[in-house]
Amino acid sequence: VRAAGLRGRGGAGFPTAVKWGFMPKAHAGQTYLI
């Protein structure tokens, strides 16, 4: 996804791979994708 250079298509154009990287790697509770 980083190699593709995919940027968010909702308006902000933020790099998608970077955004995914913000999610905690080891979270004890539930996490969500919307």
All heavy atoms as atom14 arrays in JSON, in Angstrom:
{
  "sequence": "VRAAGLRGRGGAGFPTAVKWGFMPKAHAGQTYLI",
  "atom14_mask": [
    [1, 1, 1, 1, 1, 1, 1, 0, 0, 0, 0, 0, 0, 0],
    [1, 1, 1, 1, 1, 1, 1, 1, 1, 1, 1, 0, 0, 0],
    [1, 1, 1, 1, 1, 0, 0, 0, 0, 0, 0, 0, 0, 0],
    [1, 1, 1, 1, 1, 0, 0, 0, 0, 0, 0, 0, 0, 0],
    [1, 1, 1, 1, 0, 0, 0, 0, 0, 0, 0, 0, 0, 0],
    [1, 1, 1, 1, 1, 1, 1, 1, 0, 0, 0, 0, 0, 0],
    [1, 1, 1, 1, 1, 1, 1, 1, 1, 1, 1, 0, 0, 0],
    [1, 1, 1, 1, 0, 0, 0, 0, 0, 0, 0, 0, 0, 0],
    [1, 1, 1, 1, 1, 1, 1, 1, 1, 1, 1, 0, 0, 0],
    [1, 1, 1, 1, 0, 0, 0, 0, 0, 0, 0, 0, 0, 0],
    [1, 1, 1, 1, 0, 0, 0, 0, 0, 0, 0, 0, 0, 0],
    [1, 1, 1, 1, 1, 0, 0, 0, 0, 0, 0, 0, 0, 0],
    [1, 1, 1, 1, 0, 0, 0, 0, 0, 0, 0, 0, 0, 0],
    [1, 1, 1, 1, 1, 1, 1, 1, 1, 1, 1, 0, 0, 0],
    [1, 1, 1, 1, 1, 1, 1, 0, 0, 0, 0, 0, 0, 0],
    [1, 1, 1, 1, 1, 1, 1, 0, 0, 0, 0, 0, 0, 0],
    [1, 1, 1, 1, 1, 0, 0, 0, 0, 0, 0, 0, 0, 0],
    [1, 1, 1, 1, 1, 1, 1, 0, 0, 0, 0, 0, 0, 0],
    [1, 1, 1, 1, 1, 1, 1, 1, 1, 0, 0, 0, 0, 0],
    [1, 1, 1, 1, 1, 1, 1, 1, 1, 1, 1, 1, 1, 1],
    [1, 1, 1, 1, 0, 0, 0, 0, 0, 0, 0, 0, 0, 0],
    [1, 1, 1, 1, 1, 1, 1, 1, 1, 1, 1, 0, 0, 0],
    [1, 1, 1, 1, 1, 1, 1, 1, 0, 0, 0, 0, 0, 0],
    [1, 1, 1, 1, 1, 1, 1, 0, 0, 0, 0, 0, 0, 0],
    [1, 1, 1, 1, 1, 1, 1, 1, 1, 0, 0, 0, 0, 0],
    [1, 1, 1, 1, 1, 0, 0, 0, 0, 0, 0, 0, 0, 0],
    [1, 1, 1, 1, 1, 1, 1, 1, 1, 1, 0, 0, 0, 0],
    [1, 1, 1, 1, 1, 0, 0, 0, 0, 0, 0, 0, 0, 0],
    [1, 1, 1, 1, 0, 0, 0, 0, 0, 0, 0, 0, 0, 0],
    [1, 1, 1, 1, 1, 1, 1, 1, 1, 0, 0, 0, 0, 0],
    [1, 1, 1, 1, 1, 1, 1, 0, 0, 0, 0, 0, 0, 0],
    [1, 1, 1, 1, 1, 1, 1, 1, 1, 1, 1, 1, 0, 0],
    [1, 1, 1, 1, 1, 1, 1, 1, 0, 0, 0, 0, 0, 0],
    [1, 1, 1, 1, 1, 1, 1, 1, 0, 0, 0, 0, 0, 0]
  ],
  "atom14_positions": [
    [[0.83, -1.2, 0.0], [0.0, 0.0, 0.0], [0.88, 1.26, 0.0], [0.57, 2.25, -0.68], [-0.96, -0.01, 1.21], [-1.74, 1.3, 1.31], [-1.93, -1.19, 1.1], [0.0, 0.0, 0.0], [0.0, 0.0, 0.0], [0.0, 0.0, 0.0], [0.0, 0.0, 0.0], [0.0, 0.0, 0.0], [0.0, 0.0, 0.0], [0.0, 0.0, 0.0]],
    [[1.99, 1.2, 0.72], [2.93, 2.33, 0.72], [3.57, 2.49, -0.65], [3.7, 3.62, -1.16], [4.01, 2.1, 1.78], [5.0, 3.27, 1.9], [6.03, 3.04, 2.99], [5.43, 3.0, 4.31], [5.31, 1.9, 5.04], [5.77, 0.72, 4.57], [4.76, 1.94, 6.23], [0.0, 0.0, 0.0], [0.0, 0.0, 0.0], [0.0, 0.0, 0.0]],
    [[3.96, 1.37, -1.27], [4.56, 1.44, -2.6], [3.58, 1.99, -3.64], [3.98, 2.67, -4.58], [5.05, 0.05, -3.03], [0.0, 0.0, 0.0], [0.0, 0.0, 0.0], [0.0, 0.0, 0.0], [0.0, 0.0, 0.0], [0.0, 0.0, 0.0], [0.0, 0.0, 0.0], [0.0, 0.0, 0.0], [0.0, 0.0, 0.0], [0.0, 0.0, 0.0]],
    [[2.3, 1.71, -3.44], [1.28, 2.21, -4.35], [1.1, 3.73, -4.24], [0.6, 4.36, -5.17], [-0.05, 1.51, -4.06], [0.0, 0.0, 0.0], [0.0, 0.0, 0.0], [0.0, 0.0, 0.0], [0.0, 0.0, 0.0], [0.0, 0.0, 0.0], [0.0, 0.0, 0.0], [0.0, 0.0, 0.0], [0.0, 0.0, 0.0], [0.0, 0.0, 0.0]],
    [[1.5, 4.29, -3.11], [1.29, 5.73, -2.91], [-0.16, 6.09, -2.72], [-0.57, 7.23, -2.99], [0.0, 0.0, 0.0], [0.0, 0.0, 0.0], [0.0, 0.0, 0.0], [0.0, 0.0, 0.0], [0.0, 0.0, 0.0], [0.0, 0.0, 0.0], [0.0, 0.0, 0.0], [0.0, 0.0, 0.0], [0.0, 0.0, 0.0], [0.0, 0.0, 0.0]],
    [[-0.95, 5.12, -2.23], [-2.39, 5.36, -2.04], [-2.62, 6.42, -0.97], [-2.14, 6.31, 0.14], [-3.09, 4.06, -1.65], [-4.59, 4.14, -1.4], [-5.37, 4.52, -2.65], [-5.11, 2.8, -0.85], [0.0, 0.0, 0.0], [0.0, 0.0, 0.0], [0.0, 0.0, 0.0], [0.0, 0.0, 0.0], [0.0, 0.0, 0.0], [0.0, 0.0, 0.0]],
    [[-3.38, 7.44, -1.35], [-3.77, 8.49, -0.42], [-5.27, 8.46, -0.21], [-6.02, 8.06, -1.09], [-3.32, 9.86, -0.94], [-1.82, 10.0, -1.06], [-1.39, 11.28, -1.74], [-1.72, 12.47, -0.96], [-1.24, 13.7, -1.23], [-0.37, 13.85, -2.21], [-1.59, 14.73, -0.5], [0.0, 0.0, 0.0], [0.0, 0.0, 0.0], [0.0, 0.0, 0.0]],
    [[-5.69, 8.85, 0.98], [-7.11, 8.82, 1.32], [-7.95, 9.58, 0.32], [-7.64, 10.72, -0.04], [0.0, 0.0, 0.0], [0.0, 0.0, 0.0], [0.0, 0.0, 0.0], [0.0, 0.0, 0.0], [0.0, 0.0, 0.0], [0.0, 0.0, 0.0], [0.0, 0.0, 0.0], [0.0, 0.0, 0.0], [0.0, 0.0, 0.0], [0.0, 0.0, 0.0]],
    [[-9.02, 8.94, -0.13], [-9.88, 9.52, -1.16], [-11.09, 10.23, -0.58], [-11.99, 10.6, -1.33], [-10.35, 8.42, -2.12], [-9.24, 7.7, -2.89], [-8.41, 8.66, -3.72], [-7.73, 8.0, -4.85], [-6.46, 7.87, -4.99], [-5.67, 8.35, -4.05], [-5.94, 7.28, -6.05], [0.0, 0.0, 0.0], [0.0, 0.0, 0.0], [0.0, 0.0, 0.0]],
    [[-11.11, 10.44, 0.72], [-12.25, 11.11, 1.33], [-12.15, 12.62, 1.34], [-13.1, 13.3, 1.73], [0.0, 0.0, 0.0], [0.0, 0.0, 0.0], [0.0, 0.0, 0.0], [0.0, 0.0, 0.0], [0.0, 0.0, 0.0], [0.0, 0.0, 0.0], [0.0, 0.0, 0.0], [0.0, 0.0, 0.0], [0.0, 0.0, 0.0], [0.0, 0.0, 0.0]],
    [[-11.0, 13.17, 0.93], [-10.85, 14.62, 0.89], [-9.51, 15.11, 1.41], [-8.93, 16.03, 0.86], [0.0, 0.0, 0.0], [0.0, 0.0, 0.0], [0.0, 0.0, 0.0], [0.0, 0.0, 0.0], [0.0, 0.0, 0.0], [0.0, 0.0, 0.0], [0.0, 0.0, 0.0], [0.0, 0.0, 0.0], [0.0, 0.0, 0.0], [0.0, 0.0, 0.0]],
    [[-9.0, 14.49, 2.48], [-7.77, 14.97, 3.08], [-6.53, 14.54, 2.31], [-5.49, 15.2, 2.35], [-7.67, 14.49, 4.53], [0.0, 0.0, 0.0], [0.0, 0.0, 0.0], [0.0, 0.0, 0.0], [0.0, 0.0, 0.0], [0.0, 0.0, 0.0], [0.0, 0.0, 0.0], [0.0, 0.0, 0.0], [0.0, 0.0, 0.0], [0.0, 0.0, 0.0]],
    [[-6.59, 13.41, 1.62], [-5.46, 12.92, 0.85], [-4.29, 12.45, 1.7], [-3.14, 12.48, 1.26], [0.0, 0.0, 0.0], [0.0, 0.0, 0.0], [0.0, 0.0, 0.0], [0.0, 0.0, 0.0], [0.0, 0.0, 0.0], [0.0, 0.0, 0.0], [0.0, 0.0, 0.0], [0.0, 0.0, 0.0], [0.0, 0.0, 0.0], [0.0, 0.0, 0.0]],
    [[-4.58, 11.96, 2.92], [-3.51, 11.52, 3.82], [-3.03, 10.13, 3.38], [-3.82, 9.27, 3.02], [-4.03, 11.47, 5.25], [-2.95, 11.34, 6.28], [-2.25, 12.47, 6.71], [-2.63, 10.11, 6.83], [-1.25, 12.34, 7.65], [-1.63, 9.99, 7.77], [-0.93, 11.11, 8.19], [0.0, 0.0, 0.0], [0.0, 0.0, 0.0], [0.0, 0.0, 0.0]],
    [[-1.71, 9.88, 3.39], [-1.19, 8.57, 2.97], [-1.8, 7.42, 3.78], [-1.72, 7.41, 5.01], [0.31, 8.7, 3.22], [0.59, 10.17, 3.13], [-0.62, 10.83, 3.69], [0.0, 0.0, 0.0], [0.0, 0.0, 0.0], [0.0, 0.0, 0.0], [0.0, 0.0, 0.0], [0.0, 0.0, 0.0], [0.0, 0.0, 0.0], [0.0, 0.0, 0.0]],
    [[-2.39, 6.47, 3.09], [-3.13, 5.39, 3.74], [-2.24, 4.5, 4.6], [-2.6, 4.13, 5.71], [-3.87, 4.55, 2.69], [-4.75, 5.4, 1.94], [-4.68, 3.44, 3.33], [0.0, 0.0, 0.0], [0.0, 0.0, 0.0], [0.0, 0.0, 0.0], [0.0, 0.0, 0.0], [0.0, 0.0, 0.0], [0.0, 0.0, 0.0], [0.0, 0.0, 0.0]],
    [[-1.07, 4.15, 4.09], [-0.16, 3.28, 4.84], [0.27, 3.94, 6.14], [0.41, 3.27, 7.17], [1.06, 2.93, 3.99], [0.0, 0.0, 0.0], [0.0, 0.0, 0.0], [0.0, 0.0, 0.0], [0.0, 0.0, 0.0], [0.0, 0.0, 0.0], [0.0, 0.0, 0.0], [0.0, 0.0, 0.0], [0.0, 0.0, 0.0], [0.0, 0.0, 0.0]],
    [[0.49, 5.24, 6.11], [0.86, 5.97, 7.32], [-0.28, 5.94, 8.32], [-0.07, 5.72, 9.53], [1.26, 7.43, 6.99], [1.54, 8.21, 8.27], [2.48, 7.45, 6.08], [0.0, 0.0, 0.0], [0.0, 0.0, 0.0], [0.0, 0.0, 0.0], [0.0, 0.0, 0.0], [0.0, 0.0, 0.0], [0.0, 0.0, 0.0], [0.0, 0.0, 0.0]],
    [[-1.5, 6.15, 7.85], [-2.66, 6.13, 8.73], [-2.83, 4.77, 9.4], [-3.11, 4.68, 10.59], [-3.92, 6.49, 7.94], [-5.14, 6.75, 8.8], [-6.29, 7.31, 7.97], [-7.41, 7.84, 8.84], [-8.51, 8.47, 8.06], [0.0, 0.0, 0.0], [0.0, 0.0, 0.0], [0.0, 0.0, 0.0], [0.0, 0.0, 0.0], [0.0, 0.0, 0.0]],
    [[-2.65, 3.7, 8.62], [-2.74, 2.36, 9.2], [-1.68, 2.16, 10.27], [-1.89, 1.43, 11.25], [-2.58, 1.31, 8.11], [-3.74, 1.2, 7.16], [-4.87, 1.99, 7.15], [-3.91, 0.29, 6.09], [-5.71, 1.61, 6.14], [-5.14, 0.56, 5.47], [-3.11, -0.75, 5.58], [-5.6, -0.16, 4.38], [-3.57, -1.49, 4.49], [-4.81, -1.18, 3.91]],
    [[-0.53, 2.79, 10.09], [0.56, 2.64, 11.05], [0.3, 3.29, 12.39], [1.02, 3.02, 13.36], [0.0, 0.0, 0.0], [0.0, 0.0, 0.0], [0.0, 0.0, 0.0], [0.0, 0.0, 0.0], [0.0, 0.0, 0.0], [0.0, 0.0, 0.0], [0.0, 0.0, 0.0], [0.0, 0.0, 0.0], [0.0, 0.0, 0.0], [0.0, 0.0, 0.0]],
    [[-0.73, 4.15, 12.48], [-1.06, 4.79, 13.75], [-1.75, 3.84, 14.73], [-1.81, 4.12, 15.92], [-1.97, 6.0, 13.52], [-1.32, 7.16, 12.82], [-2.07, 8.04, 12.06], [0.04, 7.36, 12.89], [-1.48, 9.11, 11.4], [0.65, 8.42, 12.24], [-0.12, 9.29, 11.5], [0.0, 0.0, 0.0], [0.0, 0.0, 0.0], [0.0, 0.0, 0.0]],
    [[-2.3, 2.74, 14.23], [-3.0, 1.82, 15.11], [-2.02, 1.11, 16.03], [-0.94, 0.69, 15.61], [-3.77, 0.79, 14.28], [-4.98, 1.36, 13.58], [-6.32, 1.85, 14.69], [-7.0, 0.24, 15.12], [0.0, 0.0, 0.0], [0.0, 0.0, 0.0], [0.0, 0.0, 0.0], [0.0, 0.0, 0.0], [0.0, 0.0, 0.0], [0.0, 0.0, 0.0]],
    [[-2.39, 0.99, 17.32], [-1.49, 0.31, 18.26], [-1.29, -1.15, 17.88], [-2.21, -1.82, 17.44], [-2.22, 0.45, 19.6], [-3.65, 0.7, 19.26], [-3.64, 1.45, 17.96], [0.0, 0.0, 0.0], [0.0, 0.0, 0.0], [0.0, 0.0, 0.0], [0.0, 0.0, 0.0], [0.0, 0.0, 0.0], [0.0, 0.0, 0.0], [0.0, 0.0, 0.0]],
    [[-0.08, -1.62, 18.04], [0.27, -2.98, 17.64], [-0.22, -4.04, 18.63], [-0.53, -5.15, 18.27], [1.78, -3.1, 17.45], [2.35, -2.21, 16.35], [1.81, -2.6, 14.99], [2.5, -1.83, 13.87], [2.08, -0.4, 13.85], [0.0, 0.0, 0.0], [0.0, 0.0, 0.0], [0.0, 0.0, 0.0], [0.0, 0.0, 0.0], [0.0, 0.0, 0.0]],
    [[-0.27, -3.7, 19.9], [-0.68, -4.68, 20.91], [-1.68, -4.05, 21.86], [-1.33, -3.58, 22.93], [0.54, -5.2, 21.67], [0.0, 0.0, 0.0], [0.0, 0.0, 0.0], [0.0, 0.0, 0.0], [0.0, 0.0, 0.0], [0.0, 0.0, 0.0], [0.0, 0.0, 0.0], [0.0, 0.0, 0.0], [0.0, 0.0, 0.0], [0.0, 0.0, 0.0]],
    [[-2.93, -4.02, 21.44], [-4.0, -3.45, 22.25], [-4.82, -4.57, 22.86], [-5.27, -5.49, 22.15], [-4.88, -2.54, 21.4], [-5.97, -1.88, 22.17], [-5.74, -0.87, 23.09], [-7.32, -2.08, 22.15], [-6.89, -0.49, 23.61], [-7.86, -1.2, 23.06], [0.0, 0.0, 0.0], [0.0, 0.0, 0.0], [0.0, 0.0, 0.0], [0.0, 0.0, 0.0]],
    [[-5.04, -4.51, 24.15], [-5.71, -5.6, 24.86], [-7.2, -5.69, 24.52], [-7.79, -6.77, 24.54], [-5.54, -5.43, 26.36], [0.0, 0.0, 0.0], [0.0, 0.0, 0.0], [0.0, 0.0, 0.0], [0.0, 0.0, 0.0], [0.0, 0.0, 0.0], [0.0, 0.0, 0.0], [0.0, 0.0, 0.0], [0.0, 0.0, 0.0], [0.0, 0.0, 0.0]],
    [[-7.83, -4.56, 24.19], [-9.27, -4.55, 23.93], [-9.61, -4.63, 22.45], [-8.77, -4.92, 21.6], [0.0, 0.0, 0.0], [0.0, 0.0, 0.0], [0.0, 0.0, 0.0], [0.0, 0.0, 0.0], [0.0, 0.0, 0.0], [0.0, 0.0, 0.0], [0.0, 0.0, 0.0], [0.0, 0.0, 0.0], [0.0, 0.0, 0.0], [0.0, 0.0, 0.0]],
    [[-10.85, -4.36, 22.14], [-11.35, -4.39, 20.78], [-10.83, -3.19, 19.99], [-10.7, -2.09, 20.52], [-12.89, -4.37, 20.79], [-13.54, -4.41, 19.43], [-13.3, -5.73, 18.72], [-13.69, -6.78, 19.18], [-12.66, -5.66, 17.56], [0.0, 0.0, 0.0], [0.0, 0.0, 0.0], [0.0, 0.0, 0.0], [0.0, 0.0, 0.0], [0.0, 0.0, 0.0]],
    [[-10.54, -3.4, 18.73], [-10.22, -2.3, 17.81], [-11.19, -2.36, 16.63], [-11.79, -3.41, 16.36], [-8.76, -2.4, 17.31], [-8.54, -3.69, 16.72], [-7.78, -2.19, 18.45], [0.0, 0.0, 0.0], [0.0, 0.0, 0.0], [0.0, 0.0, 0.0], [0.0, 0.0, 0.0], [0.0, 0.0, 0.0], [0.0, 0.0, 0.0], [0.0, 0.0, 0.0]],
    [[-11.32, -1.24, 15.91], [-12.34, -1.15, 14.87], [-11.79, -0.55, 13.58], [-10.9, 0.32, 13.6], [-13.51, -0.28, 15.34], [-14.25, -0.83, 16.56], [-13.97, -0.34, 17.83], [-15.21, -1.81, 16.42], [-14.64, -0.82, 18.94], [-15.89, -2.3, 17.53], [-15.6, -1.8, 18.79], [-16.27, -2.28, 19.89], [0.0, 0.0, 0.0], [0.0, 0.0, 0.0]],
    [[-12.38, -1.01, 12.48], [-12.17, -0.41, 11.16], [-13.51, 0.09, 10.67], [-14.49, -0.66, 10.64], [-11.59, -1.43, 10.18], [-11.48, -0.97, 8.71], [-10.5, 0.19, 8.57], [-11.07, -2.14, 7.81], [0.0, 0.0, 0.0], [0.0, 0.0, 0.0], [0.0, 0.0, 0.0], [0.0, 0.0, 0.0], [0.0, 0.0, 0.0], [0.0, 0.0, 0.0]],
    [[-13.57, 1.36, 10.29], [-14.81, 1.95, 9.8], [-14.61, 2.48, 8.39], [-13.64, 3.18, 8.11], [-15.29, 3.09, 10.73], [-15.62, 2.53, 12.12], [-16.51, 3.78, 10.15], [-15.96, 3.59, 13.14], [0.0, 0.0, 0.0], [0.0, 0.0, 0.0], [0.0, 0.0, 0.0], [0.0, 0.0, 0.0], [0.0, 0.0, 0.0], [0.0, 0.0, 0.0]]
  ]
}
